[in-house]
Structures are given as C-alpha cells and as structure tokens.
PDB file of N, CA and C in Angstrom:
ATOM      1  N   PHE A   1       0.841  -1.179   0.000  1.00  0.00           N
ATOM      2  CA  PHE A   1       0.000   0.000   0.000  1.00  0.00           C
ATOM      3  C   PHE A   1       0.882   1.236   0.000  1.00  0.00           C
ATOM      4  N   PRO A   2       0.969   1.965  -1.051  1.00  0.00           N
ATOM      5  CA  PRO A   2       1.735   3.211  -1.000  1.00  0.00           C
ATOM      6  C   PRO A   2       0.838   4.366  -0.551  1.00  0.00           C
ATOM      7  N   VAL A   3       1.378   5.210   0.316  1.00  0.00           N
ATOM      8  CA  VAL A   3       0.720   6.453   0.706  1.00  0.00           C
ATOM      9  C   VAL A   3       1.648   7.565   0.254  1.00  0.00           C
ATOM     10  N   THR A   4       1.134   8.469  -0.568  1.00  0.00           N
ATOM     11  CA  THR A   4       1.937   9.569  -1.089  1.00  0.00           C
ATOM     12  C   THR A   4       1.383  10.871  -0.523  1.00  0.00           C
ATOM     13  N   ILE A   5       2.181  11.530   0.275  1.00  0.00           N
ATOM     14  CA  ILE A   5       1.746  12.756   0.921  1.00  0.00           C
ATOM     15  C   ILE A   5       2.105  13.932   0.012  1.00  0.00           C
ATOM     16  N   ASP A   6       1.294  14.151  -1.011  1.00  0.00           N
ATOM     17  CA  ASP A   6       1.547  15.255  -1.931  1.00  0.00           C
ATOM     18  C   ASP A   6       0.297  16.101  -2.166  1.00  0.00           C
ATOM     19  N   LYS A   7      -0.772  15.799  -1.439  1.00  0.00           N
ATOM     20  CA  LYS A   7      -2.020  16.567  -1.458  1.00  0.00           C
ATOM     21  C   LYS A   7      -2.633  16.713  -2.848  1.00  0.00           C
ATOM     22  N   ASN A   8      -2.479  15.678  -3.678  1.00  0.00           N
ATOM     23  CA  ASN A   8      -3.101  15.705  -4.995  1.00  0.00           C
ATOM     24  C   ASN A   8      -4.434  14.954  -5.008  1.00  0.00           C
ATOM     25  N   GLY A   9      -4.838  14.463  -3.842  1.00  0.00           N
ATOM     26  CA  GLY A   9      -6.100  13.744  -3.737  1.00  0.00           C
ATOM     27  C   GLY A   9      -6.001  12.256  -4.033  1.00  0.00           C
ATOM     28  N   LEU A  10      -4.828  11.771  -4.382  1.00  0.00           N
ATOM     29  CA  LEU A  10      -4.626  10.351  -4.678  1.00  0.00           C
ATOM     30  C   LEU A  10      -3.668   9.748  -3.660  1.00  0.00           C
ATOM     31  N   ASN A  11      -4.119   8.735  -2.939  1.00  0.00           N
ATOM     32  CA  ASN A  11      -3.290   8.029  -1.958  1.00  0.00           C
ATOM     33  C   ASN A  11      -2.725   8.940  -0.872  1.00  0.00           C
ATOM     34  N   ASP A  12      -3.432  10.027  -0.536  1.00  0.00           N
ATOM     35  CA  ASP A  12      -2.956  10.937   0.503  1.00  0.00           C
ATOM     36  C   ASP A  12      -3.189  10.385   1.907  1.00  0.00           C
ATOM     37  N   THR A  13      -4.106   9.453   2.034  1.00  0.00           N
ATOM     38  CA  THR A  13      -4.339   8.781   3.312  1.00  0.00           C
ATOM     39  C   THR A  13      -4.383   7.280   3.061  1.00  0.00           C
ATOM     40  N   TRP A  14      -4.175   6.536   4.113  1.00  0.00           N
ATOM     41  CA  TRP A  14      -4.191   5.078   4.028  1.00  0.00           C
ATOM     42  C   TRP A  14      -5.633   4.599   4.107  1.00  0.00           C
ATOM     43  N   GLN A  15      -6.120   4.047   3.020  1.00  0.00           N
ATOM     44  CA  GLN A  15      -7.490   3.564   2.917  1.00  0.00           C
ATOM     45  C   GLN A  15      -7.514   2.044   3.075  1.00  0.00           C
ATOM     46  N   ILE A  16      -8.193   1.584   4.115  1.00  0.00           N
ATOM     47  CA  ILE A  16      -8.353   0.151   4.346  1.00  0.00           C
ATOM     48  C   ILE A  16      -9.784  -0.196   3.969  1.00  0.00           C
ATOM     49  N   GLU A  17      -9.939  -0.983   2.932  1.00  0.00           N
ATOM     50  CA  GLU A  17     -11.254  -1.319   2.404  1.00  0.00           C
ATOM     51  C   GLU A  17     -12.134  -1.973   3.471  1.00  0.00           C
ATOM     52  N   ASN A  18     -13.351  -1.484   3.597  1.00  0.00           N
ATOM     53  CA  ASN A  18     -14.387  -2.005   4.501  1.00  0.00           C
ATOM     54  C   ASN A  18     -14.060  -1.884   5.985  1.00  0.00           C
ATOM     55  N   ILE A  19     -13.062  -1.120   6.368  1.00  0.00           N
ATOM     56  CA  ILE A  19     -12.708  -1.012   7.785  1.00  0.00           C
ATOM     57  C   ILE A  19     -13.847  -0.400   8.598  1.00  0.00           C
ATOM     58  N   SER A  20     -14.638   0.459   7.999  1.00  0.00           N
ATOM     59  CA  SER A  20     -15.750   1.095   8.726  1.00  0.00           C
ATOM     60  C   SER A  20     -16.835   0.087   9.102  1.00  0.00           C
ATOM     61  N   SER A  21     -16.849  -1.062   8.469  1.00  0.00           N
ATOM     62  CA  SER A  21     -17.810  -2.113   8.810  1.00  0.00           C
ATOM     63  C   SER A  21     -17.418  -2.844  10.094  1.00  0.00           C
ATOM     64  N   TYR A  22     -16.227  -2.574  10.594  1.00  0.00           N
ATOM     65  CA  TYR A  22     -15.706  -3.241  11.780  1.00  0.00           C
ATOM     66  C   TYR A  22     -15.233  -2.193  12.791  1.00  0.00           C
ATOM     67  N   PRO A  23     -16.160  -1.549  13.491  1.00  0.00           N
ATOM     68  CA  PRO A  23     -15.778  -0.453  14.389  1.00  0.00           C
ATOM     69  C   PRO A  23     -14.960  -0.890  15.602  1.00  0.00           C
ATOM     70  N   ASP A  24     -14.841  -2.183  15.832  1.00  0.00           N
ATOM     71  CA  ASP A  24     -14.037  -2.658  16.954  1.00  0.00           C
ATOM     72  C   ASP A  24     -12.574  -2.880  16.556  1.00  0.00           C
ATOM     73  N   ASN A  25     -12.128  -2.218  15.488  1.00  0.00           N
ATOM     74  CA  ASN A  25     -10.768  -2.420  14.985  1.00  0.00           C
ATOM     75  C   ASN A  25      -9.753  -1.603  15.776  1.00  0.00           C
ATOM     76  N   LYS A  26      -8.521  -2.067  15.712  1.00  0.00           N
ATOM     77  CA  LYS A  26      -7.392  -1.339  16.270  1.00  0.00           C
ATOM     78  C   LYS A  26      -6.257  -1.442  15.260  1.00  0.00           C
ATOM     79  N   VAL A  27      -5.728  -0.293  14.855  1.00  0.00           N
ATOM     80  CA  VAL A  27      -4.665  -0.229  13.857  1.00  0.00           C
ATOM     81  C   VAL A  27      -3.394   0.285  14.527  1.00  0.00           C
ATOM     82  N   LEU A  28      -2.311  -0.453  14.342  1.00  0.00           N
ATOM     83  CA  LEU A  28      -1.001  -0.070  14.863  1.00  0.00           C
ATOM     84  C   LEU A  28      -0.025   0.022  13.702  1.00  0.00           C
ATOM     85  N   LEU A  29       0.875   1.011  13.749  1.00  0.00           N
ATOM     86  CA  LEU A  29       1.948   1.144  12.757  1.00  0.00           C
ATOM     87  C   LEU A  29       3.278   1.241  13.488  1.00  0.00           C
ATOM     88  N   PHE A  30       4.258   0.497  12.976  1.00  0.00           N
ATOM     89  CA  PHE A  30       5.588   0.468  13.583  1.00  0.00           C
ATOM     90  C   PHE A  30       6.624   0.875  12.548  1.00  0.00           C
ATOM     91  N   ASP A  31       7.696   1.524  13.013  1.00  0.00           N
ATOM     92  CA  ASP A  31       8.783   1.876  12.095  1.00  0.00           C
ATOM     93  C   ASP A  31       9.758   0.699  11.984  1.00  0.00           C
ATOM     94  N   GLN A  32      10.859   0.910  11.291  1.00  0.00           N
ATOM     95  CA  GLN A  32      11.814  -0.177  11.028  1.00  0.00           C
ATOM     96  C   GLN A  32      12.519  -0.671  12.283  1.00  0.00           C
ATOM     97  N   TRP A  33      12.460   0.104  13.369  1.00  0.00           N
ATOM     98  CA  TRP A  33      13.068  -0.304  14.634  1.00  0.00           C
ATOM     99  C   TRP A  33      12.019  -0.857  15.602  1.00  0.00           C
ATOM    100  N   ASN A  34      10.827  -1.127  15.086  1.00  0.00           N
ATOM    101  CA  ASN A  34       9.724  -1.685  15.854  1.00  0.00           C
ATOM    102  C   ASN A  34       9.161  -0.715  16.902  1.00  0.00           C
ATOM    103  N   ASN A  35       9.361   0.590  16.681  1.00  0.00           N
ATOM    104  CA  ASN A  35       8.764   1.606  17.544  1.00  0.00           C
ATOM    105  C   ASN A  35       7.347   1.879  17.074  1.00  0.00           C
ATOM    106  N   LEU A  36       6.404   1.918  17.992  1.00  0.00           N
ATOM    107  CA  LEU A  36       5.028   2.250  17.651  1.00  0.00           C
ATOM    108  C   LEU A  36       4.959   3.722  17.272  1.00  0.00           C
ATOM    109  N   VAL A  37       4.557   4.018  16.033  1.00  0.00           N
ATOM    110  CA  VAL A  37       4.500   5.411  15.581  1.00  0.00           C
ATOM    111  C   VAL A  37       3.072   5.908  15.411  1.00  0.00           C
ATOM    112  N   PHE A  38       2.107   4.990  15.343  1.00  0.00           N
ATOM    113  CA  PHE A  38       0.710   5.389  15.175  1.00  0.00           C
ATOM    114  C   PHE A  38      -0.172   4.300  15.758  1.00  0.00           C
ATOM    115  N   GLU A  39      -1.233   4.731  16.425  1.00  0.00           N
ATOM    116  CA  GLU A  39      -2.191   3.794  16.999  1.00  0.00           C
ATOM    117  C   GLU A  39      -3.559   4.454  16.973  1.00  0.00           C
ATOM    118  N   GLU A  40      -4.549   3.713  16.501  1.00  0.00           N
ATOM    119  CA  GLU A  40      -5.903   4.254  16.491  1.00  0.00           C
ATOM    120  C   GLU A  40      -6.915   3.121  16.654  1.00  0.00           C
ATOM    121  N   THR A  41      -7.862   3.329  17.537  1.00  0.00           N
ATOM    122  CA  THR A  41      -8.995   2.428  17.696  1.00  0.00           C
ATOM    123  C   THR A  41     -10.133   2.998  16.862  1.00  0.00           C
ATOM    124  N   ASN A  42     -10.867   2.130  16.170  1.00  0.00           N
ATOM    125  CA  ASN A  42     -11.931   2.543  15.259  1.00  0.00           C
ATOM    126  C   ASN A  42     -11.353   3.432  14.149  1.00  0.00           C
ATOM    127  N   TYR A  43     -10.353   2.902  13.471  1.00  0.00           N
ATOM    128  CA  TYR A  43      -9.658   3.626  12.398  1.00  0.00           C
ATOM    129  C   TYR A  43     -10.636   4.113  11.344  1.00  0.00           C
ATOM    130  N   SER A  44     -10.449   5.350  10.910  1.00  0.00           N
ATOM    131  CA  SER A  44     -11.389   5.954   9.959  1.00  0.00           C
ATOM    132  C   SER A  44     -10.740   6.370   8.642  1.00  0.00           C
ATOM    133  N   ASN A  45      -9.745   5.601   8.188  1.00  0.00           N
ATOM    134  CA  ASN A  45      -9.081   5.846   6.899  1.00  0.00           C
ATOM    135  C   ASN A  45      -8.510   7.260   6.783  1.00  0.00           C
ATOM    136  N   ASP A  46      -7.886   7.727   7.854  1.00  0.00           N
ATOM    137  CA  ASP A  46      -7.397   9.102   7.855  1.00  0.00           C
ATOM    138  C   ASP A  46      -5.902   9.253   8.123  1.00  0.00           C
ATOM    139  N   TRP A  47      -5.149   8.131   8.173  1.00  0.00           N
ATOM    140  CA  TRP A  47      -3.724   8.258   8.429  1.00  0.00           C
ATOM    141  C   TRP A  47      -3.047   8.874   7.220  1.00  0.00           C
ATOM    142  N   ALA A  48      -2.325   9.976   7.467  1.00  0.00           N
ATOM    143  CA  ALA A  48      -1.672  10.709   6.384  1.00  0.00           C
ATOM    144  C   ALA A  48      -0.183  10.870   6.646  1.00  0.00           C
ATOM    145  N   GLY A  49       0.450   9.802   7.136  1.00  0.00           N
ATOM    146  CA  GLY A  49       1.895   9.802   7.283  1.00  0.00           C
ATOM    147  C   GLY A  49       2.418  10.533   8.504  1.00  0.00           C
ATOM    148  N   ARG A  50       1.599  10.682   9.526  1.00  0.00           N
ATOM    149  CA  ARG A  50       2.035  11.388  10.731  1.00  0.00           C
ATOM    150  C   ARG A  50       2.095  10.439  11.925  1.00  0.00           C
ATOM    151  N   ASN A  51       2.988  10.753  12.863  1.00  0.00           N
ATOM    152  CA  ASN A  51       3.109   9.924  14.054  1.00  0.00           C
ATOM    153  C   ASN A  51       2.041  10.308  15.078  1.00  0.00           C
ATOM    154  N   LYS A  52       2.128   9.725  16.268  1.00  0.00           N
ATOM    155  CA  LYS A  52       1.134   9.950  17.317  1.00  0.00           C
ATOM    156  C   LYS A  52       1.094  11.414  17.769  1.00  0.00           C
ATOM    157  N   ARG A  53       2.182  12.142  17.598  1.00  0.00           N
ATOM    158  CA  ARG A  53       2.248  13.554  18.000  1.00  0.00           C
ATOM    159  C   ARG A  53       1.880  14.499  16.858  1.00  0.00           C
ATOM    160  N   GLY A  54       1.549  13.946  15.688  1.00  0.00           N
ATOM    161  CA  GLY A  54       1.165  14.770  14.550  1.00  0.00           C
ATOM    162  C   GLY A  54       2.314  15.194  13.661  1.00  0.00           C
ATOM    163  N   GLU A  55       3.513  14.686  13.932  1.00  0.00           N
ATOM    164  CA  GLU A  55       4.683  15.033  13.129  1.00  0.00           C
ATOM    165  C   GLU A  55       4.764  14.135  11.903  1.00  0.00           C
ATOM    166  N   LEU A  56       5.140  14.716  10.773  1.00  0.00           N
ATOM    167  CA  LEU A  56       5.288  13.954   9.535  1.00  0.00           C
ATOM    168  C   LEU A  56       6.414  12.943   9.678  1.00  0.00           C
ATOM    169  N   LEU A  57       6.136  11.694   9.344  1.00  0.00           N
ATOM    170  CA  LEU A  57       7.137  10.629   9.419  1.00  0.00           C
ATOM    171  C   LEU A  57       8.034  10.663   8.188  1.00  0.00           C
ATOM    172  N   PRO A  58       9.256  10.154   8.308  1.00  0.00           N
ATOM    173  CA  PRO A  58      10.131  10.090   7.138  1.00  0.00           C
ATOM    174  C   PRO A  58       9.646   9.029   6.155  1.00  0.00           C
ATOM    175  N   PRO A  59       9.970   9.201   4.877  1.00  0.00           N
ATOM    176  CA  PRO A  59       9.599   8.180   3.899  1.00  0.00           C
ATOM    177  C   PRO A  59      10.216   6.842   4.290  1.00  0.00           C
ATOM    178  N   GLY A  60       9.518   5.783   3.962  1.00  0.00           N
ATOM    179  CA  GLY A  60      10.036   4.464   4.265  1.00  0.00           C
ATOM    180  C   GLY A  60       8.942   3.428   4.328  1.00  0.00           C
ATOM    181  N   THR A  61       9.308   2.254   4.776  1.00  0.00           N
ATOM    182  CA  THR A  61       8.378   1.143   4.896  1.00  0.00           C
ATOM    183  C   THR A  61       8.019   0.973   6.362  1.00  0.00           C
ATOM    184  N   TYR A  62       6.735   0.846   6.616  1.00  0.00           N
ATOM    185  CA  TYR A  62       6.220   0.701   7.966  1.00  0.00           C
ATOM    186  C   TYR A  62       5.430  -0.608   8.056  1.00  0.00           C
ATOM    187  N   PHE A  63       5.479  -1.227   9.219  1.00  0.00           N
ATOM    188  CA  PHE A  63       4.794  -2.484   9.474  1.00  0.00           C
ATOM    189  C   PHE A  63       3.455  -2.169  10.133  1.00  0.00           C
ATOM    190  N   TYR A  64       2.369  -2.768   9.649  1.00  0.00           N
ATOM    191  CA  TYR A  64       1.074  -2.537  10.281  1.00  0.00           C
ATOM    192  C   TYR A  64       0.528  -3.812  10.897  1.00  0.00           C
ATOM    193  N   GLN A  65      -0.341  -3.594  11.884  1.00  0.00           N
ATOM    194  CA  GLN A  65      -1.051  -4.689  12.531  1.00  0.00           C
ATOM    195  C   GLN A  65      -2.483  -4.210  12.758  1.00  0.00           C
ATOM    196  N   ILE A  66      -3.444  -4.994  12.292  1.00  0.00           N
ATOM    197  CA  ILE A  66      -4.855  -4.668  12.455  1.00  0.00           C
ATOM    198  C   ILE A  66      -5.509  -5.809  13.220  1.00  0.00           C
ATOM    199  N   SER A  67      -6.177  -5.464  14.317  1.00  0.00           N
ATOM    200  CA  SER A  67      -6.858  -6.470  15.123  1.00  0.00           C
ATOM    201  C   SER A  67      -8.275  -6.002  15.432  1.00  0.00           C
ATOM    202  N   PHE A  68      -9.076  -6.921  15.939  1.00  0.00           N
ATOM    203  CA  PHE A  68     -10.477  -6.649  16.254  1.00  0.00           C
ATOM    204  C   PHE A  68     -10.795  -7.252  17.614  1.00  0.00           C
ATOM    205  N   THR A  69     -11.534  -6.534  18.440  1.00  0.00           N
ATOM    206  CA  THR A  69     -11.865  -7.063  19.760  1.00  0.00           C
ATOM    207  C   THR A  69     -12.782  -8.276  19.669  1.00  0.00           C
ATOM    208  N   SER A  70     -13.513  -8.405  18.568  1.00  0.00           N
ATOM    209  CA  SER A  70     -14.448  -9.522  18.401  1.00  0.00           C
ATOM    210  C   SER A  70     -13.808 -10.748  17.754  1.00  0.00           C
ATOM    211  N   SER A  71     -12.491 -10.730  17.540  1.00  0.00           N
ATOM    212  CA  SER A  71     -11.826 -11.827  16.841  1.00  0.00           C
ATOM    213  C   SER A  71     -10.390 -11.982  17.353  1.00  0.00           C
ATOM    214  N   THR A  72      -9.865 -13.178  17.208  1.00  0.00           N
ATOM    215  CA  THR A  72      -8.464 -13.416  17.552  1.00  0.00           C
ATOM    216  C   THR A  72      -7.549 -13.247  16.341  1.00  0.00           C
ATOM    217  N   LYS A  73      -8.141 -13.067  15.160  1.00  0.00           N
ATOM    218  CA  LYS A  73      -7.357 -12.912  13.930  1.00  0.00           C
ATOM    219  C   LYS A  73      -6.661 -11.556  13.927  1.00  0.00           C
ATOM    220  N   ILE A  74      -5.397 -11.558  13.545  1.00  0.00           N
ATOM    221  CA  ILE A  74      -4.613 -10.332  13.426  1.00  0.00           C
ATOM    222  C   ILE A  74      -4.064 -10.269  12.002  1.00  0.00           C
ATOM    223  N   PHE A  75      -4.258  -9.128  11.363  1.00  0.00           N
ATOM    224  CA  PHE A  75      -3.756  -8.911  10.006  1.00  0.00           C
ATOM    225  C   PHE A  75      -2.475  -8.095  10.107  1.00  0.00           C
ATOM    226  N   ARG A  76      -1.448  -8.541   9.384  1.00  0.00           N
ATOM    227  CA  ARG A  76      -0.154  -7.872   9.412  1.00  0.00           C
ATOM    228  C   ARG A  76       0.350  -7.668   7.994  1.00  0.00           C
ATOM    229  N   GLY A  77       1.140  -6.627   7.819  1.00  0.00           N
ATOM    230  CA  GLY A  77       1.719  -6.368   6.515  1.00  0.00           C
ATOM    231  C   GLY A  77       2.563  -5.114   6.539  1.00  0.00           C
ATOM    232  N   PHE A  78       2.874  -4.614   5.362  1.00  0.00           N
ATOM    233  CA  PHE A  78       3.744  -3.453   5.226  1.00  0.00           C
ATOM    234  C   PHE A  78       3.064  -2.378   4.392  1.00  0.00           C
ATOM    235  N   ILE A  79       3.394  -1.145   4.704  1.00  0.00           N
ATOM    236  CA  ILE A  79       2.906   0.003   3.945  1.00  0.00           C
ATOM    237  C   ILE A  79       4.104   0.898   3.656  1.00  0.00           C
ATOM    238  N   THR A  80       4.145   1.482   2.467  1.00  0.00           N
ATOM    239  CA  THR A  80       5.240   2.347   2.074  1.00  0.00           C
ATOM    240  C   THR A  80       4.758   3.780   2.077  1.00  0.00           C
ATOM    241  N   LEU A  81       5.503   4.640   2.749  1.00  0.00           N
ATOM    242  CA  LEU A  81       5.202   6.063   2.796  1.00  0.00           C
ATOM    243  C   LEU A  81       6.154   6.794   1.868  1.00  0.00           C
ATOM    244  N   LEU A  82       5.591   7.487   0.900  1.00  0.00           N
ATOM    245  CA  LEU A  82       6.385   8.267  -0.064  1.00  0.00           C
ATOM    246  C   LEU A  82       6.042   9.737   0.109  1.00  0.00           C
ATOM    247  N   LEU A  83       7.038  10.581   0.199  1.00  0.00           N
ATOM    248  CA  LEU A  83       6.807  12.014   0.280  1.00  0.00           C
ATOM    249  C   LEU A  83       7.241  12.628  -1.024  1.00  0.00           C
ATOM    250  N   THR A  84       6.326  13.275  -1.697  1.00  0.00           N
ATOM    251  CA  THR A  84       6.637  13.911  -2.978  1.00  0.00           C
ATOM    252  C   THR A  84       6.179  15.358  -2.920  1.00  0.00           C
ATOM    253  N   GLU A  85       6.726  16.142  -3.766  1.00  0.00           N
ATOM    254  CA  GLU A  85       6.361  17.556  -3.777  1.00  0.00           C
ATOM    255  C   GLU A  85       5.447  17.870  -4.918  1.00  0.00           C
TER     256      GLU A  85
END
C-alpha cells in the first residue's frame, strides 16, 4: 500500500477497504526499529503519514497490525510512505 503525501487527492491517506464495517478495529503502525508510531482504535481511513504527535514521518516502509476485539485474527503487513512535492 503506498501512501503519497503530496495533497493531490490520490493516496494521501491510508485507505483500508471495509474497515468502517468493523468499528471494533485497532490499527497499529511500527517503524523499522519496531517503535510504535501510530495507533488508532476505530480507524477511519485518515492516516496521512504522521506519528502519534502529529509530526510527519520520514519516507520508508512501515509495518502494520490490524486487530479486532471480536476476533483473535490479526492482520499484518507493510505500507510504504512516499513524500513527494
């Protein structure tokens, strides 16, 4: 999943298909050193490359984990953040 923070209206936020159908979700993002950089319960497809303090993250690959309180299944994968002008 590439996220490009260039404000052109394409891929400016991380869109997870059908996530709104599962309001008990929890989304975590980790950097390459396994530091938690973003966490949101009831994710609303609004992550735009910023950490928990609102600071823009550096370009790179981030590891995500999506879980649900109603399930033991955990979804994991990678997302690439690209910063373009």
